[in-house]
Amino acid sequence: MQWQQQLDLQHLNTFHIQAFATEYAYIETLTDITEAIQYAQKKQHSLRILGGGSNVLLTQDIKDLLLINRLQGIELVYEDEEVIHLQCMSGEAWHDCVMWAVQRGYGGIENLSLIPGTAGAAPIQNIGAYGVECKDVLLRLSAINLQDASLHEFTAADCRFGYRDSIFKQEARNQYFIVSITLRLQKKPTYHLDYGNIREELTAQGVETLSVKAVSDAVMSIRRRKLPDPAKIGNAGSFFKNPVISQGYYQELKTKFPSMPSFVSGHEVKIPAAWLIEFCGWKGFREGDYGVHTQQALCLVNYNQAKGTQILELSTRIMDAVLAQFNIQLEREVNIW
């Protein structure tokens, strides 16, 4: 492993924000991680890990030692008549892992097609889409402690998953380098079609016999219509979480805003953040090189050379507007660096 200086990160984050890493290294083996930890301790610097750069907003240069995750490999590690266990190294693109399963007819993650980022980031964020979350399929993961280089295994229960949340965003934040994840997938898939417009899309595509590939294709088609391609317009997908409120407060709001959509979430109600933002008039807003996407109010965008601080300030204005209108506090899904 070789440490290098002054890396422009513009091509390594999907917002395409220009910022620089003072010192960085590519991680390709477990030995690289151990060496990086030893080096950081010697220099008395903190470590920061960058995967796909699809869930981060850069607002300043990176002074920490930056580790760029390039751990690669997808392997079937267990199989019986009903399930397989699929081990994905953390530097693999998540969508590549999904396609590996879809091409072989293994079910469980087809609804998570086309989500950007790496496999290692999936459990940190507990990624989810169209009624499926990472927690539904994660069997275990391996991670290295960034303090003493010890290797640990986490079960799904150990990860303490919540809505776009896990132990790795809470008490274990910035304490581990996730090495690999192992997913439990089905040979006889159970399809999740009731969230979003999947059924309508399957009908529109003329699908008569369900398959993992058909569901994946439908999800990708919907996502391509709803979200801008980061290769064309800088963005990090959904910038905010969908807020969850009490049944009582939802009923109160429903009398004031009869058209407010909702999804039952246990004993609470999940409100689409996109609807709240659009109601407040922010959809399609643009100021110079940054704004809110014209087709998706959840998506903040960098049209050209916007600064991360400008997009962060815009997100604060949106949060303030939603709070004033609905007394609902939006929470950013994107990590602010």
Protein backbone atom coordinates (compact mmCIF):
# COMPACT_ATOMS: atom_id res chain seq x y z
CA MET A 1 0.00 0.00 0.00
CA GLN A 2 1.29 3.46 -0.91
CA TRP A 3 0.25 6.74 0.64
CA GLN A 4 -0.21 9.61 -1.78
CA GLN A 5 -0.80 13.35 -1.44
CA GLN A 6 -3.36 15.84 -2.74
CA LEU A 7 -6.21 14.00 -4.42
CA ASP A 8 -9.02 15.92 -6.12
CA LEU A 9 -12.19 14.15 -4.97
CA GLN A 10 -14.51 15.62 -7.60
CA HIS A 11 -14.58 12.37 -9.57
CA LEU A 12 -15.02 10.29 -6.41
CA ASN A 13 -18.31 11.74 -5.16
CA THR A 14 -21.60 11.69 -7.06
CA PHE A 15 -22.36 15.32 -6.18
CA HIS A 16 -19.19 16.16 -8.17
CA ILE A 17 -18.13 18.63 -5.50
CA GLN A 18 -14.51 19.70 -5.75
CA ALA A 19 -12.58 19.09 -2.54
CA PHE A 20 -9.12 17.70 -1.84
CA ALA A 21 -7.77 14.91 0.36
CA THR A 22 -4.42 15.86 1.86
CA GLU A 23 -3.20 12.25 2.17
CA TYR A 24 -4.87 9.10 0.90
CA ALA A 25 -4.41 5.42 0.07
CA TYR A 26 -6.32 2.76 -1.86
CA ILE A 27 -7.36 -0.26 0.21
CA GLU A 28 -7.21 -3.50 -1.77
CA THR A 29 -6.38 -6.11 0.92
CA LEU A 30 -6.94 -6.70 4.63
CA THR A 31 -3.23 -6.10 5.15
CA ASP A 32 -3.69 -2.62 3.70
CA ILE A 33 -6.22 -1.84 6.43
CA THR A 34 -3.88 -3.00 9.19
CA GLU A 35 -1.02 -0.98 7.75
CA ALA A 36 -3.25 2.09 7.46
CA ILE A 37 -4.28 1.82 11.12
CA GLN A 38 -0.66 1.55 12.21
CA TYR A 39 0.29 4.53 10.04
CA ALA A 40 -2.57 6.64 11.42
CA GLN A 41 -1.56 5.84 14.99
CA LYS A 42 2.05 6.75 14.24
CA LYS A 43 1.02 10.10 12.73
CA GLN A 44 -1.74 10.61 15.32
CA HIS A 45 -4.30 11.23 12.60
CA SER A 46 -7.89 10.02 12.24
CA LEU A 47 -8.96 7.75 9.39
CA ARG A 48 -11.87 8.40 7.08
CA ILE A 49 -13.30 5.84 4.65
CA LEU A 50 -14.69 6.61 1.19
CA GLY A 51 -16.61 4.01 -0.78
CA GLY A 52 -18.71 4.96 -3.78
CA GLY A 53 -19.09 8.58 -2.69
CA SER A 54 -22.83 8.39 -3.38
CA ASN A 55 -24.07 9.33 0.08
CA VAL A 56 -21.73 12.15 1.04
CA LEU A 57 -21.71 15.91 0.63
CA LEU A 58 -18.22 17.41 0.72
CA THR A 59 -18.18 20.85 2.34
CA GLN A 60 -14.43 21.14 2.95
CA ASP A 61 -11.09 19.53 2.17
CA ILE A 62 -10.31 16.26 3.97
CA LYS A 63 -7.52 16.63 6.52
CA ASP A 64 -7.93 13.09 7.90
CA LEU A 65 -6.10 10.19 6.27
CA LEU A 66 -8.50 9.05 3.57
CA LEU A 67 -8.92 5.35 2.80
CA ILE A 68 -10.54 4.61 -0.57
CA ASN A 69 -12.19 1.20 -0.42
CA ARG A 70 -11.29 -1.09 -3.31
CA LEU A 71 -11.87 -4.51 -1.68
CA GLN A 72 -13.30 -6.69 -4.47
CA GLY A 73 -15.00 -10.08 -4.74
CA ILE A 74 -18.44 -11.74 -4.90
CA GLU A 75 -18.69 -15.36 -3.80
CA LEU A 76 -21.39 -17.93 -3.08
CA VAL A 77 -20.33 -19.36 0.30
CA TYR A 78 -23.30 -21.59 1.20
CA GLU A 79 -26.17 -23.26 -0.61
CA ASP A 80 -29.04 -25.60 0.21
CA GLU A 81 -32.40 -26.36 -1.43
CA GLU A 82 -33.99 -23.10 -0.36
CA VAL A 83 -31.31 -20.42 0.11
CA ILE A 84 -27.85 -19.27 -0.78
CA HIS A 85 -25.44 -17.14 1.23
CA LEU A 86 -23.70 -14.54 -0.90
CA GLN A 87 -20.52 -12.89 0.41
CA CYS A 88 -19.70 -9.52 -1.11
CA MET A 89 -16.48 -7.66 -0.37
CA SER A 90 -17.20 -4.16 0.84
CA GLY A 91 -15.63 -2.30 -2.09
CA GLU A 92 -17.90 -3.97 -4.64
CA ALA A 93 -20.54 -1.72 -6.19
CA TRP A 94 -23.86 -2.62 -4.56
CA HIS A 95 -25.65 -2.75 -7.90
CA ASP A 96 -23.11 -5.28 -9.18
CA CYS A 97 -23.97 -7.52 -6.22
CA VAL A 98 -27.66 -7.18 -7.04
CA MET A 99 -27.05 -8.03 -10.68
CA TRP A 100 -25.01 -11.10 -9.68
CA ALA A 101 -28.06 -12.41 -7.81
CA VAL A 102 -30.64 -11.32 -10.40
CA GLN A 103 -28.80 -12.97 -13.28
CA ARG A 104 -28.89 -16.27 -11.38
CA GLY A 105 -32.52 -15.94 -10.23
CA TYR A 106 -31.80 -15.55 -6.52
CA GLY A 107 -34.37 -13.37 -4.80
CA GLY A 108 -34.27 -10.86 -1.98
CA ILE A 109 -32.46 -7.77 -3.27
CA GLU A 110 -34.05 -7.17 -6.67
CA ASN A 111 -36.07 -4.26 -5.21
CA LEU A 112 -32.74 -2.66 -4.28
CA SER A 113 -31.54 -2.51 -7.89
CA LEU A 114 -29.69 0.57 -9.11
CA ILE A 115 -29.00 1.95 -5.63
CA PRO A 116 -25.57 3.60 -5.88
CA GLY A 117 -22.72 3.02 -3.45
CA THR A 118 -20.72 0.06 -2.24
CA ALA A 119 -21.73 -3.19 -0.57
CA GLY A 120 -19.94 -2.08 2.59
CA ALA A 121 -22.09 1.04 2.84
CA ALA A 122 -25.35 -0.91 2.51
CA PRO A 123 -25.61 -2.02 6.17
CA ILE A 124 -24.28 1.29 7.53
CA GLN A 125 -27.19 3.12 5.95
CA ASN A 126 -29.55 0.12 6.05
CA ILE A 127 -30.36 0.99 2.46
CA GLY A 128 -33.92 0.40 1.36
CA ALA A 129 -36.30 0.87 -1.53
CA TYR A 130 -39.72 -0.34 -2.62
CA GLY A 131 -40.56 -2.19 0.60
CA VAL A 132 -37.21 -3.98 1.09
CA GLU A 133 -34.27 -3.03 3.33
CA CYS A 134 -30.75 -4.35 3.79
CA LYS A 135 -31.72 -5.69 7.22
CA ASP A 136 -34.18 -8.09 5.55
CA VAL A 137 -31.38 -10.03 3.84
CA LEU A 138 -28.19 -9.37 5.80
CA LEU A 139 -26.94 -12.50 7.57
CA ARG A 140 -23.68 -11.12 8.95
CA LEU A 141 -20.79 -8.82 8.20
CA SER A 142 -17.10 -8.69 9.03
CA ALA A 143 -15.41 -5.47 10.11
CA ILE A 144 -12.01 -4.34 11.36
CA ASN A 145 -11.77 -2.09 14.40
CA LEU A 146 -9.93 1.07 13.45
CA GLN A 147 -8.32 1.38 16.88
CA ASP A 148 -6.64 -2.00 17.33
CA ALA A 149 -7.09 -3.70 13.90
CA SER A 150 -9.07 -6.57 15.45
CA LEU A 151 -11.52 -8.42 13.21
CA HIS A 152 -15.14 -8.63 14.37
CA GLU A 153 -18.25 -10.35 13.07
CA PHE A 154 -21.66 -8.71 13.40
CA THR A 155 -24.98 -10.52 13.03
CA ALA A 156 -28.03 -8.62 11.77
CA ALA A 157 -29.15 -8.22 15.38
CA ASP A 158 -25.74 -6.83 16.34
CA CYS A 159 -26.15 -4.14 13.68
CA ARG A 160 -29.19 -2.67 15.49
CA PHE A 161 -30.88 -1.70 12.29
CA GLY A 162 -33.41 1.10 12.14
CA TYR A 163 -34.91 3.19 9.37
CA ARG A 164 -31.82 4.22 7.34
CA ASP A 165 -29.88 3.61 10.52
CA SER A 166 -27.55 1.13 12.20
CA ILE A 167 -25.03 0.85 15.00
CA PHE A 168 -22.45 2.11 12.49
CA LYS A 169 -24.21 5.49 12.36
CA GLN A 170 -24.63 5.63 16.12
CA GLU A 171 -22.31 4.37 18.88
CA ALA A 172 -19.97 2.58 16.45
CA ARG A 173 -19.75 5.53 14.05
CA ASN A 174 -16.32 5.80 12.40
CA GLN A 175 -15.00 2.91 14.52
CA TYR A 176 -14.96 0.10 11.93
CA PHE A 177 -13.89 -0.63 8.39
CA ILE A 178 -16.48 -3.06 7.04
CA VAL A 179 -14.66 -5.79 5.12
CA SER A 180 -17.48 -7.92 3.72
CA ILE A 181 -21.20 -8.58 4.01
CA THR A 182 -23.01 -11.90 3.68
CA LEU A 183 -26.58 -11.95 2.35
CA ARG A 184 -29.20 -14.67 2.67
CA LEU A 185 -31.06 -14.95 -0.64
CA GLN A 186 -33.92 -17.17 -1.76
CA LYS A 187 -34.02 -19.76 -4.49
CA LYS A 188 -37.84 -19.51 -4.52
CA PRO A 189 -38.32 -15.75 -4.25
CA THR A 190 -41.06 -13.96 -2.36
CA TYR A 191 -41.83 -10.83 -4.35
CA HIS A 192 -42.53 -7.41 -2.82
CA LEU A 193 -44.71 -5.52 -5.27
CA ASP A 194 -46.97 -3.27 -3.21
CA TYR A 195 -44.65 -0.33 -2.59
CA GLY A 196 -44.40 2.40 -5.18
CA ASN A 197 -45.57 1.66 -8.73
CA ILE A 198 -43.96 -1.74 -9.26
CA ARG A 199 -47.20 -3.53 -10.22
CA GLU A 200 -48.13 -0.77 -12.68
CA GLU A 201 -44.66 -0.86 -14.19
CA LEU A 202 -44.76 -4.65 -14.60
CA THR A 203 -48.09 -4.30 -16.38
CA ALA A 204 -46.76 -1.53 -18.59
CA GLN A 205 -43.81 -3.74 -19.54
CA GLY A 206 -46.17 -6.59 -20.44
CA VAL A 207 -44.84 -8.95 -17.76
CA GLU A 208 -47.12 -11.98 -17.39
CA THR A 209 -44.83 -14.30 -15.42
CA LEU A 210 -43.03 -12.86 -12.42
CA SER A 211 -39.29 -13.29 -12.10
CA VAL A 212 -36.46 -11.71 -10.16
CA LYS A 213 -35.24 -10.09 -13.36
CA ALA A 214 -38.68 -8.70 -14.22
CA VAL A 215 -38.99 -7.04 -10.82
CA SER A 216 -35.44 -5.70 -11.04
CA ASP A 217 -36.09 -4.29 -14.52
CA ALA A 218 -39.28 -2.61 -13.29
CA VAL A 219 -37.50 -1.04 -10.32
CA MET A 220 -34.67 0.23 -12.51
CA SER A 221 -37.11 1.73 -14.97
CA ILE A 222 -38.93 3.59 -12.19
CA ARG A 223 -35.70 4.81 -10.60
CA ARG A 224 -34.34 6.10 -13.92
CA ARG A 225 -37.50 8.15 -14.42
CA LYS A 226 -37.57 9.53 -10.87
CA LEU A 227 -33.92 10.24 -10.13
CA PRO A 228 -31.30 12.06 -12.22
CA ASP A 229 -28.25 10.17 -13.43
CA PRO A 230 -25.26 11.33 -11.31
CA ALA A 231 -23.09 11.04 -14.40
CA LYS A 232 -25.12 13.88 -15.92
CA ILE A 233 -26.27 15.92 -12.90
CA GLY A 234 -24.40 15.84 -9.60
CA ASN A 235 -26.57 14.41 -6.82
CA ALA A 236 -26.66 11.84 -4.02
CA GLY A 237 -30.15 10.49 -4.57
CA SER A 238 -32.58 11.06 -1.71
CA PHE A 239 -31.12 13.81 0.45
CA PHE A 240 -33.64 13.48 3.30
CA LYS A 241 -35.21 10.60 5.20
CA ASN A 242 -38.97 10.17 5.16
CA PRO A 243 -40.10 11.42 8.60
CA VAL A 244 -42.03 9.11 10.92
CA ILE A 245 -44.72 10.66 13.13
CA SER A 246 -47.32 9.42 15.60
CA GLN A 247 -50.75 8.21 14.48
CA GLY A 248 -52.32 11.00 16.52
CA TYR A 249 -50.29 13.78 14.93
CA TYR A 250 -50.87 12.31 11.48
CA GLN A 251 -54.64 12.47 12.00
CA GLU A 252 -54.27 16.07 13.11
CA LEU A 253 -52.28 16.96 9.99
CA LYS A 254 -54.66 15.00 7.74
CA THR A 255 -57.53 17.31 8.69
CA LYS A 256 -55.43 20.31 7.61
CA PHE A 257 -53.85 18.66 4.56
CA PRO A 258 -56.30 16.03 3.21
CA SER A 259 -54.05 15.12 0.26
CA MET A 260 -51.07 14.20 2.48
CA PRO A 261 -49.91 10.66 1.57
CA SER A 262 -48.70 8.22 4.20
CA PHE A 263 -47.43 4.71 4.89
CA VAL A 264 -48.10 2.83 8.11
CA SER A 265 -44.84 2.07 9.94
CA GLY A 266 -45.61 -0.06 12.99
CA HIS A 267 -47.54 2.09 15.44
CA GLU A 268 -46.43 5.23 13.62
CA VAL A 269 -46.91 6.79 10.20
CA LYS A 270 -44.24 7.54 7.59
CA ILE A 271 -44.77 10.68 5.54
CA PRO A 272 -43.04 11.08 2.14
CA ALA A 273 -40.50 13.86 2.56
CA ALA A 274 -40.77 14.60 -1.15
CA TRP A 275 -44.44 15.54 -0.72
CA LEU A 276 -43.67 17.84 2.21
CA ILE A 277 -40.87 19.56 0.27
CA GLU A 278 -42.95 19.94 -2.87
CA PHE A 279 -45.91 21.32 -0.88
CA CYS A 280 -43.58 23.99 0.49
CA GLY A 281 -42.71 25.02 -3.07
CA TRP A 282 -39.12 23.79 -3.34
CA LYS A 283 -39.45 21.28 -6.17
CA GLY A 284 -37.59 22.61 -9.19
CA PHE A 285 -35.99 25.46 -7.24
CA ARG A 286 -32.68 26.62 -8.69
CA GLU A 287 -30.16 29.19 -7.58
CA GLY A 288 -27.07 29.46 -9.76
CA ASP A 289 -25.42 26.05 -10.06
CA TYR A 290 -27.48 24.23 -7.43
CA GLY A 291 -31.07 23.48 -6.58
CA VAL A 292 -33.83 20.87 -6.19
CA HIS A 293 -34.45 18.51 -9.07
CA THR A 294 -37.42 19.26 -11.28
CA GLN A 295 -38.75 15.69 -11.14
CA GLN A 296 -37.84 14.65 -7.58
CA ALA A 297 -38.14 17.01 -4.63
CA LEU A 298 -36.02 14.71 -2.44
CA CYS A 299 -33.03 15.19 -4.70
CA LEU A 300 -30.73 18.19 -4.31
CA VAL A 301 -28.49 18.73 -7.31
CA ASN A 302 -25.24 20.31 -8.45
CA TYR A 303 -25.77 21.49 -12.01
CA ASN A 304 -22.19 22.57 -12.59
CA GLN A 305 -19.67 23.96 -10.09
CA ALA A 306 -21.70 24.39 -6.91
CA LYS A 307 -19.97 24.27 -3.55
CA GLY A 308 -20.93 21.74 -0.92
CA THR A 309 -21.61 24.56 1.53
CA GLN A 310 -24.22 26.00 -0.85
CA ILE A 311 -26.08 22.70 -1.09
CA LEU A 312 -25.87 22.26 2.69
CA GLU A 313 -27.31 25.74 3.21
CA LEU A 314 -30.12 24.95 0.77
CA SER A 315 -30.96 21.78 2.70
CA THR A 316 -31.23 23.85 5.89
CA ARG A 317 -33.63 26.29 4.21
CA ILE A 318 -35.80 23.37 3.08
CA MET A 319 -35.78 21.84 6.56
CA ASP A 320 -36.77 25.17 8.09
CA ALA A 321 -39.65 25.56 5.63
CA VAL A 322 -41.04 22.08 6.34
CA LEU A 323 -40.72 22.63 10.07
CA ALA A 324 -42.58 25.95 9.86
CA GLN A 325 -45.37 24.51 7.70
CA PHE A 326 -45.89 21.08 9.27
CA ASN A 327 -43.95 21.12 12.56
CA ILE A 328 -42.03 18.11 11.20
CA GLN A 329 -38.25 18.02 11.51
CA LEU A 330 -36.65 16.55 8.40
CA GLU A 331 -33.42 14.61 8.83
CA ARG A 332 -30.63 14.51 6.27
CA GLU A 333 -29.90 11.06 4.86
CA VAL A 334 -26.67 12.19 3.20
CA ASN A 335 -23.49 12.33 5.31
CA ILE A 336 -22.00 15.81 5.62
CA TRP A 337 -18.18 15.93 5.46
